[in-house]
């Protein structure tokens, strides 16, 4: 269990650094923490964070195409979209418009 907790903490450390108005992907986070094949596990960490860390901006983590794949894990089905829109993002059909323009690459930190 300790290994999983350490991995999750690395993920959360990156997520806490996502700038306002920006988003990143599960895969980008995995690459940044040195586990490039662990995008799915980053997703598990994000799902877990919704139960344990209300202050973490989990809504800013989407899939590699800008799709809100984690929306079903929020308390309300449209909460992820609402939070993104409150930060100025345009979301249509569960996908962030202009995704490449608002994408933040955490690999630049490491």
Protein backbone atom coordinates (compact mmCIF):
# COMPACT_ATOMS: atom_id res chain seq x y z
CA UNK A 1 0.00 0.00 0.00
CA UNK A 2 2.89 2.38 0.71
CA UNK A 3 3.99 2.31 -2.96
CA UNK A 4 0.52 3.38 -4.09
CA UNK A 5 0.39 6.17 -1.52
CA UNK A 6 3.79 7.47 -2.65
CA UNK A 7 2.69 7.40 -6.29
CA UNK A 8 -0.54 9.23 -5.47
CA UNK A 9 1.36 11.90 -3.53
CA UNK A 10 3.63 12.52 -6.51
CA UNK A 11 0.54 12.92 -8.68
CA UNK A 12 -1.08 15.32 -6.21
CA UNK A 13 2.11 17.38 -6.00
CA UNK A 14 1.92 17.97 -9.77
CA UNK A 15 -1.83 18.64 -9.76
CA UNK A 16 -1.45 21.30 -7.06
CA UNK A 17 0.85 23.18 -9.45
CA UNK A 18 -1.51 23.35 -12.43
CA UNK A 19 -1.93 27.09 -13.05
CA UNK A 20 -5.36 28.69 -12.96
CA UNK A 21 -6.89 28.66 -16.41
CA UNK A 22 -4.80 25.68 -17.54
CA UNK A 23 -5.41 21.94 -17.77
CA UNK A 24 -3.21 18.90 -18.14
CA UNK A 25 -3.65 15.23 -18.91
CA UNK A 26 -3.25 11.97 -17.03
CA UNK A 27 -0.45 10.96 -19.39
CA UNK A 28 1.42 14.24 -19.01
CA UNK A 29 1.38 13.84 -15.24
CA UNK A 30 2.57 10.23 -15.53
CA UNK A 31 5.45 11.30 -17.76
CA UNK A 32 6.39 14.16 -15.43
CA UNK A 33 6.72 11.86 -12.41
CA UNK A 34 8.80 9.32 -14.30
CA UNK A 35 6.09 6.73 -14.93
CA UNK A 36 5.12 7.34 -18.58
CA UNK A 37 3.03 4.17 -18.90
CA UNK A 38 0.94 4.90 -15.82
CA UNK A 39 -1.70 7.32 -17.11
CA UNK A 40 -4.47 4.99 -15.92
CA UNK A 41 -2.98 4.90 -12.42
CA UNK A 42 -2.89 8.70 -12.43
CA UNK A 43 -6.62 8.47 -13.15
CA UNK A 44 -7.08 6.22 -10.13
CA UNK A 45 -5.19 8.76 -8.03
CA UNK A 46 -7.47 11.53 -9.25
CA UNK A 47 -10.58 9.50 -8.44
CA UNK A 48 -9.18 8.85 -4.97
CA UNK A 49 -8.43 12.54 -4.47
CA UNK A 50 -12.08 13.46 -4.81
CA UNK A 51 -12.78 11.49 -1.64
CA UNK A 52 -9.78 12.73 0.32
CA UNK A 53 -8.59 16.16 -0.86
CA UNK A 54 -11.33 18.64 -1.61
CA UNK A 55 -8.79 21.40 -2.26
CA UNK A 56 -7.01 19.60 -5.09
CA UNK A 57 -7.95 21.01 -8.54
CA UNK A 58 -8.82 17.56 -9.94
CA UNK A 59 -11.13 19.17 -12.49
CA UNK A 60 -8.03 20.42 -14.37
CA UNK A 61 -6.94 16.88 -15.27
CA UNK A 62 -8.47 15.46 -18.46
CA UNK A 63 -7.55 12.86 -21.04
CA UNK A 64 -5.03 13.45 -23.84
CA UNK A 65 -7.74 14.83 -26.12
CA UNK A 66 -9.20 17.24 -23.59
CA UNK A 67 -12.19 15.04 -22.79
CA UNK A 68 -13.67 15.15 -19.27
CA UNK A 69 -13.32 11.42 -18.71
CA UNK A 70 -13.24 11.78 -14.91
CA UNK A 71 -16.52 13.67 -14.64
CA UNK A 72 -18.42 10.66 -13.30
CA UNK A 73 -16.32 10.65 -10.15
CA UNK A 74 -17.37 14.12 -8.98
CA UNK A 75 -20.29 14.51 -6.56
CA UNK A 76 -22.41 15.98 -9.34
CA UNK A 77 -22.16 14.75 -12.94
CA UNK A 78 -21.62 18.29 -14.29
CA UNK A 79 -19.37 19.57 -11.48
CA UNK A 80 -16.14 19.09 -13.45
CA UNK A 81 -17.53 21.08 -16.37
CA UNK A 82 -18.89 23.80 -14.08
CA UNK A 83 -15.49 24.25 -12.41
CA UNK A 84 -13.70 24.42 -15.76
CA UNK A 85 -16.19 26.92 -17.14
CA UNK A 86 -15.83 29.05 -14.00
CA UNK A 87 -12.12 29.28 -14.89
CA UNK A 88 -12.94 30.47 -18.42
CA UNK A 89 -12.83 27.20 -20.37
CA UNK A 90 -15.37 26.42 -23.05
CA UNK A 91 -16.60 22.84 -22.85
CA UNK A 92 -18.72 21.25 -25.58
CA UNK A 93 -19.80 17.62 -25.60
CA UNK A 94 -17.57 16.89 -22.59
CA UNK A 95 -14.45 18.21 -24.36
CA UNK A 96 -12.44 21.36 -23.74
CA UNK A 97 -12.42 23.60 -26.80
CA UNK A 98 -9.00 24.96 -27.73
CA UNK A 99 -7.43 22.24 -25.59
CA UNK A 100 -3.94 22.72 -27.02
CA UNK A 101 -4.02 26.43 -26.15
CA UNK A 102 -4.83 25.82 -22.48
CA UNK A 103 -2.74 22.68 -22.02
CA UNK A 104 -0.03 22.87 -19.35
CA UNK A 105 2.89 20.46 -19.57
CA UNK A 106 4.09 19.52 -16.07
CA UNK A 107 7.20 17.89 -17.53
CA UNK A 108 8.69 21.37 -17.69
CA UNK A 109 8.87 21.32 -13.87
CA UNK A 110 11.02 18.22 -13.63
